Amino acid sequence: MQKYTQLTYEQRYHIYLLNKQGYNQTFIAKSMGRNKSTISRELSRNTGKRGYRHKQANRLADERHQKKNKAIKLTDSVKNYISEKLKEYWSPEQYKTPTN
């Protein structure tokens, strides 16, 4: 199974430089050893009114990462809480776990 890695600040800077010099996405991807769809997604997600800027792109990516919903860890106390509420015939929509 392939492991995916996020783009680093340095890689975003590399994209910025080559994009600014007019190179296409395929060339940028090959020069970095990345798939061209990765470069395409990066440019489409992080290109603003003033074009692709690596600092802004890195900040936006960090913000998206922070906003991402984190999975709830099913500790014993959370499992017990859920079990109690289900025994009381509560639906999952009626309660929030203690970590929410």
PDB file of N, CA and C in Angstrom:
ATOM      1  N   MET A   1       0.837  -1.174   0.000  1.00  0.00           N
ATOM      2  CA  MET A   1       0.000   0.000   0.000  1.00  0.00           C
ATOM      3  C   MET A   1       0.890   1.248   0.000  1.00  0.00           C
ATOM      4  N   GLN A   2       0.553   2.189  -0.852  1.00  0.00           N
ATOM      5  CA  GLN A   2       1.352   3.391  -0.985  1.00  0.00           C
ATOM      6  C   GLN A   2       1.073   4.360   0.151  1.00  0.00           C
ATOM      7  N   LYS A   3       2.135   4.947   0.684  1.00  0.00           N
ATOM      8  CA  LYS A   3       1.973   5.937   1.740  1.00  0.00           C
ATOM      9  C   LYS A   3       2.004   7.322   1.109  1.00  0.00           C
ATOM     10  N   TYR A   4       1.017   8.133   1.456  1.00  0.00           N
ATOM     11  CA  TYR A   4       0.929   9.476   0.910  1.00  0.00           C
ATOM     12  C   TYR A   4       1.579  10.458   1.876  1.00  0.00           C
ATOM     13  N   THR A   5       2.265  11.437   1.323  1.00  0.00           N
ATOM     14  CA  THR A   5       2.880  12.465   2.145  1.00  0.00           C
ATOM     15  C   THR A   5       2.397  13.831   1.691  1.00  0.00           C
ATOM     16  N   GLN A   6       2.264  14.720   2.646  1.00  0.00           N
ATOM     17  CA  GLN A   6       1.851  16.077   2.326  1.00  0.00           C
ATOM     18  C   GLN A   6       3.034  16.849   1.763  1.00  0.00           C
ATOM     19  N   LEU A   7       2.714  17.870   0.997  1.00  0.00           N
ATOM     20  CA  LEU A   7       3.764  18.718   0.456  1.00  0.00           C
ATOM     21  C   LEU A   7       4.393  19.531   1.583  1.00  0.00           C
ATOM     22  N   THR A   8       5.701  19.687   1.516  1.00  0.00           N
ATOM     23  CA  THR A   8       6.410  20.487   2.510  1.00  0.00           C
ATOM     24  C   THR A   8       6.495  21.932   2.035  1.00  0.00           C
ATOM     25  N   TYR A   9       6.936  22.791   2.922  1.00  0.00           N
ATOM     26  CA  TYR A   9       7.131  24.202   2.575  1.00  0.00           C
ATOM     27  C   TYR A   9       8.128  24.328   1.420  1.00  0.00           C
ATOM     28  N   GLU A  10       9.199  23.551   1.483  1.00  0.00           N
ATOM     29  CA  GLU A  10      10.222  23.606   0.439  1.00  0.00           C
ATOM     30  C   GLU A  10       9.662  23.155  -0.910  1.00  0.00           C
ATOM     31  N   GLN A  11       8.818  22.129  -0.891  1.00  0.00           N
ATOM     32  CA  GLN A  11       8.208  21.666  -2.137  1.00  0.00           C
ATOM     33  C   GLN A  11       7.246  22.706  -2.696  1.00  0.00           C
ATOM     34  N   ARG A  12       6.535  23.390  -1.831  1.00  0.00           N
ATOM     35  CA  ARG A  12       5.642  24.463  -2.293  1.00  0.00           C
ATOM     36  C   ARG A  12       6.456  25.608  -2.894  1.00  0.00           C
ATOM     37  N   TYR A  13       7.606  25.885  -2.315  1.00  0.00           N
ATOM     38  CA  TYR A  13       8.485  26.917  -2.868  1.00  0.00           C
ATOM     39  C   TYR A  13       8.976  26.498  -4.255  1.00  0.00           C
ATOM     40  N   HIS A  14       9.310  25.241  -4.409  1.00  0.00           N
ATOM     41  CA  HIS A  14       9.742  24.692  -5.703  1.00  0.00           C
ATOM     42  C   HIS A  14       8.622  24.852  -6.740  1.00  0.00           C
ATOM     43  N   ILE A  15       7.392  24.527  -6.351  1.00  0.00           N
ATOM     44  CA  ILE A  15       6.237  24.693  -7.245  1.00  0.00           C
ATOM     45  C   ILE A  15       6.087  26.159  -7.621  1.00  0.00           C
ATOM     46  N   TYR A  16       6.219  27.033  -6.628  1.00  0.00           N
ATOM     47  CA  TYR A  16       6.092  28.471  -6.860  1.00  0.00           C
ATOM     48  C   TYR A  16       7.107  28.951  -7.898  1.00  0.00           C
ATOM     49  N   LEU A  17       8.368  28.578  -7.713  1.00  0.00           N
ATOM     50  CA  LEU A  17       9.418  29.036  -8.632  1.00  0.00           C
ATOM     51  C   LEU A  17       9.180  28.547 -10.058  1.00  0.00           C
ATOM     52  N   LEU A  18       8.914  27.260 -10.214  1.00  0.00           N
ATOM     53  CA  LEU A  18       8.729  26.712 -11.556  1.00  0.00           C
ATOM     54  C   LEU A  18       7.451  27.226 -12.207  1.00  0.00           C
ATOM     55  N   ASN A  19       6.402  27.373 -11.422  1.00  0.00           N
ATOM     56  CA  ASN A  19       5.147  27.897 -11.955  1.00  0.00           C
ATOM     57  C   ASN A  19       5.335  29.343 -12.420  1.00  0.00           C
ATOM     58  N   LYS A  20       6.067  30.119 -11.630  1.00  0.00           N
ATOM     59  CA  LYS A  20       6.328  31.522 -11.972  1.00  0.00           C
ATOM     60  C   LYS A  20       7.165  31.631 -13.253  1.00  0.00           C
ATOM     61  N   GLN A  21       8.034  30.656 -13.476  1.00  0.00           N
ATOM     62  CA  GLN A  21       8.871  30.649 -14.676  1.00  0.00           C
ATOM     63  C   GLN A  21       8.124  30.120 -15.892  1.00  0.00           C
ATOM     64  N   GLY A  22       6.877  29.691 -15.697  1.00  0.00           N
ATOM     65  CA  GLY A  22       6.043  29.281 -16.814  1.00  0.00           C
ATOM     66  C   GLY A  22       6.060  27.800 -17.148  1.00  0.00           C
ATOM     67  N   TYR A  23       6.674  26.991 -16.302  1.00  0.00           N
ATOM     68  CA  TYR A  23       6.690  25.555 -16.564  1.00  0.00           C
ATOM     69  C   TYR A  23       5.305  24.963 -16.306  1.00  0.00           C
ATOM     70  N   ASN A  24       4.958  23.919 -17.064  1.00  0.00           N
ATOM     71  CA  ASN A  24       3.637  23.305 -16.897  1.00  0.00           C
ATOM     72  C   ASN A  24       3.646  22.323 -15.715  1.00  0.00           C
ATOM     73  N   GLN A  25       2.454  21.883 -15.354  1.00  0.00           N
ATOM     74  CA  GLN A  25       2.293  21.021 -14.183  1.00  0.00           C
ATOM     75  C   GLN A  25       3.004  19.682 -14.343  1.00  0.00           C
ATOM     76  N   THR A  26       3.012  19.147 -15.547  1.00  0.00           N
ATOM     77  CA  THR A  26       3.683  17.865 -15.787  1.00  0.00           C
ATOM     78  C   THR A  26       5.177  17.989 -15.525  1.00  0.00           C
ATOM     79  N   PHE A  27       5.784  19.062 -16.018  1.00  0.00           N
ATOM     80  CA  PHE A  27       7.216  19.277 -15.801  1.00  0.00           C
ATOM     81  C   PHE A  27       7.511  19.445 -14.312  1.00  0.00           C
ATOM     82  N   ILE A  28       6.695  20.249 -13.638  1.00  0.00           N
ATOM     83  CA  ILE A  28       6.897  20.482 -12.202  1.00  0.00           C
ATOM     84  C   ILE A  28       6.803  19.156 -11.441  1.00  0.00           C
ATOM     85  N   ALA A  29       5.794  18.356 -11.770  1.00  0.00           N
ATOM     86  CA  ALA A  29       5.597  17.070 -11.091  1.00  0.00           C
ATOM     87  C   ALA A  29       6.786  16.140 -11.311  1.00  0.00           C
ATOM     88  N   LYS A  30       7.249  16.032 -12.553  1.00  0.00           N
ATOM     89  CA  LYS A  30       8.388  15.146 -12.842  1.00  0.00           C
ATOM     90  C   LYS A  30       9.650  15.619 -12.131  1.00  0.00           C
ATOM     91  N   SER A  31       9.856  16.924 -12.071  1.00  0.00           N
ATOM     92  CA  SER A  31      11.069  17.439 -11.427  1.00  0.00           C
ATOM     93  C   SER A  31      11.066  17.181  -9.919  1.00  0.00           C
ATOM     94  N   MET A  32       9.872  16.990  -9.362  1.00  0.00           N
ATOM     95  CA  MET A  32       9.755  16.749  -7.922  1.00  0.00           C
ATOM     96  C   MET A  32       9.532  15.281  -7.585  1.00  0.00           C
ATOM     97  N   GLY A  33       9.320  14.446  -8.594  1.00  0.00           N
ATOM     98  CA  GLY A  33       9.022  13.044  -8.343  1.00  0.00           C
ATOM     99  C   GLY A  33       7.631  12.850  -7.766  1.00  0.00           C
ATOM    100  N   ARG A  34       6.710  13.717  -8.156  1.00  0.00           N
ATOM    101  CA  ARG A  34       5.323  13.668  -7.695  1.00  0.00           C
ATOM    102  C   ARG A  34       4.400  13.420  -8.868  1.00  0.00           C
ATOM    103  N   ASN A  35       3.180  12.989  -8.558  1.00  0.00           N
ATOM    104  CA  ASN A  35       2.170  12.808  -9.586  1.00  0.00           C
ATOM    105  C   ASN A  35       1.662  14.179 -10.016  1.00  0.00           C
ATOM    106  N   LYS A  36       1.345  14.314 -11.297  1.00  0.00           N
ATOM    107  CA  LYS A  36       0.905  15.633 -11.767  1.00  0.00           C
ATOM    108  C   LYS A  36      -0.437  16.038 -11.166  1.00  0.00           C
ATOM    109  N   SER A  37      -1.251  15.068 -10.737  1.00  0.00           N
ATOM    110  CA  SER A  37      -2.520  15.422 -10.091  1.00  0.00           C
ATOM    111  C   SER A  37      -2.273  16.097  -8.740  1.00  0.00           C
ATOM    112  N   THR A  38      -1.179  15.759  -8.074  1.00  0.00           N
ATOM    113  CA  THR A  38      -0.818  16.413  -6.815  1.00  0.00           C
ATOM    114  C   THR A  38      -0.548  17.892  -7.055  1.00  0.00           C
ATOM    115  N   ILE A  39       0.197  18.174  -8.116  1.00  0.00           N
ATOM    116  CA  ILE A  39       0.528  19.562  -8.455  1.00  0.00           C
ATOM    117  C   ILE A  39      -0.732  20.305  -8.878  1.00  0.00           C
ATOM    118  N   SER A  40      -1.569  19.642  -9.653  1.00  0.00           N
ATOM    119  CA  SER A  40      -2.817  20.252 -10.108  1.00  0.00           C
ATOM    120  C   SER A  40      -3.703  20.624  -8.924  1.00  0.00           C
ATOM    121  N   ARG A  41      -3.864  19.695  -7.974  1.00  0.00           N
ATOM    122  CA  ARG A  41      -4.674  19.969  -6.779  1.00  0.00           C
ATOM    123  C   ARG A  41      -4.078  21.107  -5.958  1.00  0.00           C
ATOM    124  N   GLU A  42      -2.774  21.083  -5.801  1.00  0.00           N
ATOM    125  CA  GLU A  42      -2.096  22.121  -5.024  1.00  0.00           C
ATOM    126  C   GLU A  42      -2.339  23.500  -5.632  1.00  0.00           C
ATOM    127  N   LEU A  43      -2.196  23.596  -6.937  1.00  0.00           N
ATOM    128  CA  LEU A  43      -2.389  24.887  -7.596  1.00  0.00           C
ATOM    129  C   LEU A  43      -3.849  25.330  -7.556  1.00  0.00           C
ATOM    130  N   SER A  44      -4.769  24.397  -7.735  1.00  0.00           N
ATOM    131  CA  SER A  44      -6.184  24.790  -7.743  1.00  0.00           C
ATOM    132  C   SER A  44      -6.673  25.178  -6.346  1.00  0.00           C
ATOM    133  N   ARG A  45      -6.174  24.520  -5.317  1.00  0.00           N
ATOM    134  CA  ARG A  45      -6.606  24.820  -3.949  1.00  0.00           C
ATOM    135  C   ARG A  45      -6.001  26.113  -3.416  1.00  0.00           C
ATOM    136  N   ASN A  46      -4.807  26.425  -3.865  1.00  0.00           N
ATOM    137  CA  ASN A  46      -4.039  27.480  -3.207  1.00  0.00           C
ATOM    138  C   ASN A  46      -3.650  28.646  -4.099  1.00  0.00           C
ATOM    139  N   THR A  47      -4.265  28.781  -5.253  1.00  0.00           N
ATOM    140  CA  THR A  47      -3.981  29.922  -6.115  1.00  0.00           C
ATOM    141  C   THR A  47      -5.001  31.009  -5.820  1.00  0.00           C
ATOM    142  N   GLY A  48      -4.497  32.159  -5.413  1.00  0.00           N
ATOM    143  CA  GLY A  48      -5.367  33.285  -5.095  1.00  0.00           C
ATOM    144  C   GLY A  48      -5.417  34.273  -6.245  1.00  0.00           C
ATOM    145  N   LYS A  49      -5.922  35.455  -5.954  1.00  0.00           N
ATOM    146  CA  LYS A  49      -6.048  36.497  -6.977  1.00  0.00           C
ATOM    147  C   LYS A  49      -4.695  36.925  -7.527  1.00  0.00           C
ATOM    148  N   ARG A  50      -3.666  36.826  -6.696  1.00  0.00           N
ATOM    149  CA  ARG A  50      -2.323  37.232  -7.130  1.00  0.00           C
ATOM    150  C   ARG A  50      -1.481  36.044  -7.586  1.00  0.00           C
ATOM    151  N   GLY A  51      -2.126  34.928  -7.867  1.00  0.00           N
ATOM    152  CA  GLY A  51      -1.412  33.748  -8.338  1.00  0.00           C
ATOM    153  C   GLY A  51      -1.034  32.819  -7.197  1.00  0.00           C
ATOM    154  N   TYR A  52      -0.241  31.815  -7.523  1.00  0.00           N
ATOM    155  CA  TYR A  52       0.201  30.840  -6.520  1.00  0.00           C
ATOM    156  C   TYR A  52       1.377  31.432  -5.753  1.00  0.00           C
ATOM    157  N   ARG A  53       1.224  31.492  -4.444  1.00  0.00           N
ATOM    158  CA  ARG A  53       2.304  31.983  -3.586  1.00  0.00           C
ATOM    159  C   ARG A  53       2.553  30.938  -2.503  1.00  0.00           C
ATOM    160  N   HIS A  54       3.788  30.505  -2.389  1.00  0.00           N
ATOM    161  CA  HIS A  54       4.118  29.376  -1.518  1.00  0.00           C
ATOM    162  C   HIS A  54       3.816  29.627  -0.041  1.00  0.00           C
ATOM    163  N   LYS A  55       4.046  30.829   0.458  1.00  0.00           N
ATOM    164  CA  LYS A  55       3.773  31.107   1.876  1.00  0.00           C
ATOM    165  C   LYS A  55       2.278  31.027   2.161  1.00  0.00           C
ATOM    166  N   GLN A  56       1.494  31.637   1.271  1.00  0.00           N
ATOM    167  CA  GLN A  56       0.041  31.597   1.423  1.00  0.00           C
ATOM    168  C   GLN A  56      -0.463  30.162   1.289  1.00  0.00           C
ATOM    169  N   ALA A  57       0.086  29.418   0.338  1.00  0.00           N
ATOM    170  CA  ALA A  57      -0.326  28.030   0.126  1.00  0.00           C
ATOM    171  C   ALA A  57      -0.057  27.190   1.369  1.00  0.00           C
ATOM    172  N   ASN A  58       1.094  27.389   1.978  1.00  0.00           N
ATOM    173  CA  ASN A  58       1.435  26.627   3.177  1.00  0.00           C
ATOM    174  C   ASN A  58       0.505  26.992   4.335  1.00  0.00           C
ATOM    175  N   ARG A  59       0.197  28.269   4.480  1.00  0.00           N
ATOM    176  CA  ARG A  59      -0.712  28.720   5.539  1.00  0.00           C
ATOM    177  C   ARG A  59      -2.107  28.140   5.331  1.00  0.00           C
ATOM    178  N   LEU A  60      -2.608  28.185   4.090  1.00  0.00           N
ATOM    179  CA  LEU A  60      -3.939  27.644   3.793  1.00  0.00           C
ATOM    180  C   LEU A  60      -4.002  26.143   4.067  1.00  0.00           C
ATOM    181  N   ALA A  61      -2.946  25.426   3.686  1.00  0.00           N
ATOM    182  CA  ALA A  61      -2.902  23.981   3.928  1.00  0.00           C
ATOM    183  C   ALA A  61      -2.904  23.688   5.428  1.00  0.00           C
ATOM    184  N   ASP A  62      -2.138  24.472   6.194  1.00  0.00           N
ATOM    185  CA  ASP A  62      -2.115  24.297   7.652  1.00  0.00           C
ATOM    186  C   ASP A  62      -3.487  24.571   8.258  1.00  0.00           C
ATOM    187  N   GLU A  63      -4.173  25.613   7.768  1.00  0.00           N
ATOM    188  CA  GLU A  63      -5.507  25.939   8.274  1.00  0.00           C
ATOM    189  C   GLU A  63      -6.499  24.822   7.966  1.00  0.00           C
ATOM    190  N   ARG A  64      -6.427  24.266   6.755  1.00  0.00           N
ATOM    191  CA  ARG A  64      -7.324  23.160   6.411  1.00  0.00           C
ATOM    192  C   ARG A  64      -7.051  21.960   7.300  1.00  0.00           C
ATOM    193  N   HIS A  65      -5.790  21.713   7.571  1.00  0.00           N
ATOM    194  CA  HIS A  65      -5.418  20.583   8.421  1.00  0.00           C
ATOM    195  C   HIS A  65      -5.960  20.775   9.844  1.00  0.00           C
ATOM    196  N   GLN A  66      -5.892  21.997  10.361  1.00  0.00           N
ATOM    197  CA  GLN A  66      -6.385  22.282  11.711  1.00  0.00           C
ATOM    198  C   GLN A  66      -7.897  22.126  11.804  1.00  0.00           C
ATOM    199  N   LYS A  67      -8.617  22.486  10.738  1.00  0.00           N
ATOM    200  CA  LYS A  67     -10.078  22.433  10.744  1.00  0.00           C
ATOM    201  C   LYS A  67     -10.622  21.020  10.556  1.00  0.00           C
ATOM    202  N   LYS A  68      -9.768  20.116  10.127  1.00  0.00           N
ATOM    203  CA  LYS A  68     -10.199  18.759   9.836  1.00  0.00           C
ATOM    204  C   LYS A  68     -10.794  18.111  11.085  1.00  0.00           C
ATOM    205  N   ASN A  69     -11.919  17.441  10.912  1.00  0.00           N
ATOM    206  CA  ASN A  69     -12.549  16.751  12.036  1.00  0.00           C
ATOM    207  C   ASN A  69     -11.663  15.601  12.493  1.00  0.00           C
ATOM    208  N   LYS A  70     -11.427  15.575  13.766  1.00  0.00           N
ATOM    209  CA  LYS A  70     -10.612  14.512  14.341  1.00  0.00           C
ATOM    210  C   LYS A  70     -11.526  13.379  14.809  1.00  0.00           C
ATOM    211  N   ALA A  71     -11.072  12.176  14.629  1.00  0.00           N
ATOM    212  CA  ALA A  71     -11.849  11.013  15.066  1.00  0.00           C
ATOM    213  C   ALA A  71     -11.881  10.967  16.595  1.00  0.00           C
ATOM    214  N   ILE A  72     -12.998  10.533  17.117  1.00  0.00           N
ATOM    215  CA  ILE A  72     -13.145  10.391  18.565  1.00  0.00           C
ATOM    216  C   ILE A  72     -12.478   9.091  18.991  1.00  0.00           C
ATOM    217  N   LYS A  73     -11.655   9.177  20.016  1.00  0.00           N
ATOM    218  CA  LYS A  73     -11.028   7.967  20.537  1.00  0.00           C
ATOM    219  C   LYS A  73     -12.033   7.251  21.423  1.00  0.00           C
ATOM    220  N   LEU A  74     -12.252   5.994  21.122  1.00  0.00           N
ATOM    221  CA  LEU A  74     -13.220   5.213  21.892  1.00  0.00           C
ATOM    222  C   LEU A  74     -12.541   4.616  23.126  1.00  0.00           C
ATOM    223  N   THR A  75     -12.430   5.448  24.132  1.00  0.00           N
ATOM    224  CA  THR A  75     -11.892   4.977  25.403  1.00  0.00           C
ATOM    225  C   THR A  75     -12.985   4.201  26.125  1.00  0.00           C
ATOM    226  N   ASP A  76     -12.612   3.543  27.199  1.00  0.00           N
ATOM    227  CA  ASP A  76     -13.601   2.779  27.972  1.00  0.00           C
ATOM    228  C   ASP A  76     -14.716   3.680  28.492  1.00  0.00           C
ATOM    229  N   SER A  77     -14.361   4.884  28.937  1.00  0.00           N
ATOM    230  CA  SER A  77     -15.396   5.783  29.469  1.00  0.00           C
ATOM    231  C   SER A  77     -16.359   6.232  28.368  1.00  0.00           C
ATOM    232  N   VAL A  78     -15.851   6.466  27.170  1.00  0.00           N
ATOM    233  CA  VAL A  78     -16.722   6.853  26.053  1.00  0.00           C
ATOM    234  C   VAL A  78     -17.618   5.682  25.666  1.00  0.00           C
ATOM    235  N   LYS A  79     -17.058   4.476  25.632  1.00  0.00           N
ATOM    236  CA  LYS A  79     -17.859   3.290  25.311  1.00  0.00           C
ATOM    237  C   LYS A  79     -18.971   3.089  26.339  1.00  0.00           C
ATOM    238  N   ASN A  80     -18.640   3.272  27.616  1.00  0.00           N
ATOM    239  CA  ASN A  80     -19.646   3.125  28.674  1.00  0.00           C
ATOM    240  C   ASN A  80     -20.740   4.176  28.539  1.00  0.00           C
ATOM    241  N   TYR A  81     -20.350   5.399  28.260  1.00  0.00           N
ATOM    242  CA  TYR A  81     -21.319   6.489  28.091  1.00  0.00           C
ATOM    243  C   TYR A  81     -22.281   6.175  26.947  1.00  0.00           C
ATOM    244  N   ILE A  82     -21.747   5.754  25.821  1.00  0.00           N
ATOM    245  CA  ILE A  82     -22.580   5.417  24.659  1.00  0.00           C
ATOM    246  C   ILE A  82     -23.502   4.251  24.993  1.00  0.00           C
ATOM    247  N   SER A  83     -22.954   3.241  25.645  1.00  0.00           N
ATOM    248  CA  SER A  83     -23.745   2.070  26.017  1.00  0.00           C
ATOM    249  C   SER A  83     -24.909   2.448  26.936  1.00  0.00           C
ATOM    250  N   GLU A  84     -24.640   3.319  27.907  1.00  0.00           N
ATOM    251  CA  GLU A  84     -25.697   3.767  28.823  1.00  0.00           C
ATOM    252  C   GLU A  84     -26.810   4.491  28.075  1.00  0.00           C
ATOM    253  N   LYS A  85     -26.431   5.367  27.178  1.00  0.00           N
ATOM    254  CA  LYS A  85     -27.434   6.144  26.438  1.00  0.00           C
ATOM    255  C   LYS A  85     -28.240   5.256  25.495  1.00  0.00           C
ATOM    256  N   LEU A  86     -27.605   4.265  24.908  1.00  0.00           N
ATOM    257  CA  LEU A  86     -28.335   3.345  24.030  1.00  0.00           C
ATOM    258  C   LEU A  86     -29.308   2.486  24.828  1.00  0.00           C
ATOM    259  N   LYS A  87     -28.922   2.113  26.052  1.00  0.00           N
ATOM    260  CA  LYS A  87     -29.833   1.350  26.920  1.00  0.00           C
ATOM    261  C   LYS A  87     -31.054   2.179  27.306  1.00  0.00           C
ATOM    262  N   GLU A  88     -30.875   3.502  27.328  1.00  0.00           N
ATOM    263  CA  GLU A  88     -31.987   4.416  27.624  1.00  0.00           C
ATOM    264  C   GLU A  88     -32.765   4.764  26.348  1.00  0.00           C
ATOM    265  N   TYR A  89     -32.457   4.055  25.273  1.00  0.00           N
ATOM    266  CA  TYR A  89     -33.118   4.220  23.972  1.00  0.00           C
ATOM    267  C   TYR A  89     -32.859   5.584  23.328  1.00  0.00           C
ATOM    268  N   TRP A  90     -31.729   6.158  23.620  1.00  0.00           N
ATOM    269  CA  TRP A  90     -31.343   7.393  22.945  1.00  0.00           C
ATOM    270  C   TRP A  90     -30.771   7.027  21.580  1.00  0.00           C
ATOM    271  N   SER A  91     -31.058   7.839  20.599  1.00  0.00           N
ATOM    272  CA  SER A  91     -30.422   7.642  19.298  1.00  0.00           C
ATOM    273  C   SER A  91     -29.078   8.377  19.324  1.00  0.00           C
ATOM    274  N   PRO A  92     -28.154   7.993  18.464  1.00  0.00           N
ATOM    275  CA  PRO A  92     -26.856   8.682  18.440  1.00  0.00           C
ATOM    276  C   PRO A  92     -26.979  10.190  18.198  1.00  0.00           C
ATOM    277  N   GLU A  93     -28.027  10.624  17.514  1.00  0.00           N
ATOM    278  CA  GLU A  93     -28.209  12.046  17.247  1.00  0.00           C
ATOM    279  C   GLU A  93     -28.615  12.825  18.496  1.00  0.00           C
ATOM    280  N   GLN A  94     -29.122  12.141  19.518  1.00  0.00           N
ATOM    281  CA  GLN A  94     -29.639  12.813  20.707  1.00  0.00           C
ATOM    282  C   GLN A  94     -28.562  13.164  21.728  1.00  0.00           C
ATOM    283  N   TYR A  95     -27.425  12.595  21.624  1.00  0.00           N
ATOM    284  CA  TYR A  95     -26.399  12.879  22.609  1.00  0.00           C
ATOM    285  C   TYR A  95     -25.069  13.140  21.926  1.00  0.00           C
ATOM    286  N   LYS A  96     -24.235  13.789  22.664  1.00  0.00           N
ATOM    287  CA  LYS A  96     -22.865  13.986  22.212  1.00  0.00           C
ATOM    288  C   LYS A  96     -21.976  13.269  23.208  1.00  0.00           C
ATOM    289  N   THR A  97     -20.903  12.728  22.698  1.00  0.00           N
ATOM    290  CA  THR A  97     -19.980  12.036  23.594  1.00  0.00           C
ATOM    291  C   THR A  97     -19.270  13.075  24.454  1.00  0.00           C
ATOM    292  N   PRO A  98     -18.726  12.679  25.588  1.00  0.00           N
ATOM    293  CA  PRO A  98     -18.067  13.630  26.489  1.00  0.00           C
ATOM    294  C   PRO A  98     -16.930  14.415  25.832  1.00  0.00           C
ATOM    295  N   THR A  99     -16.329  13.881  24.780  1.00  0.00           N
ATOM    296  CA  THR A  99     -15.214  14.581  24.136  1.00  0.00           C
ATOM    297  C   THR A  99     -15.683  15.609  23.126  1.00  0.00           C
ATOM    298  N   ASN A 100     -16.968  15.615  22.765  1.00  0.00           N
ATOM    299  CA  ASN A 100     -17.474  16.589  21.783  1.00  0.00           C
ATOM    300  C   ASN A 100     -17.860  17.858  22.469  1.00  0.00           C
TER     301      ASN A 100
END
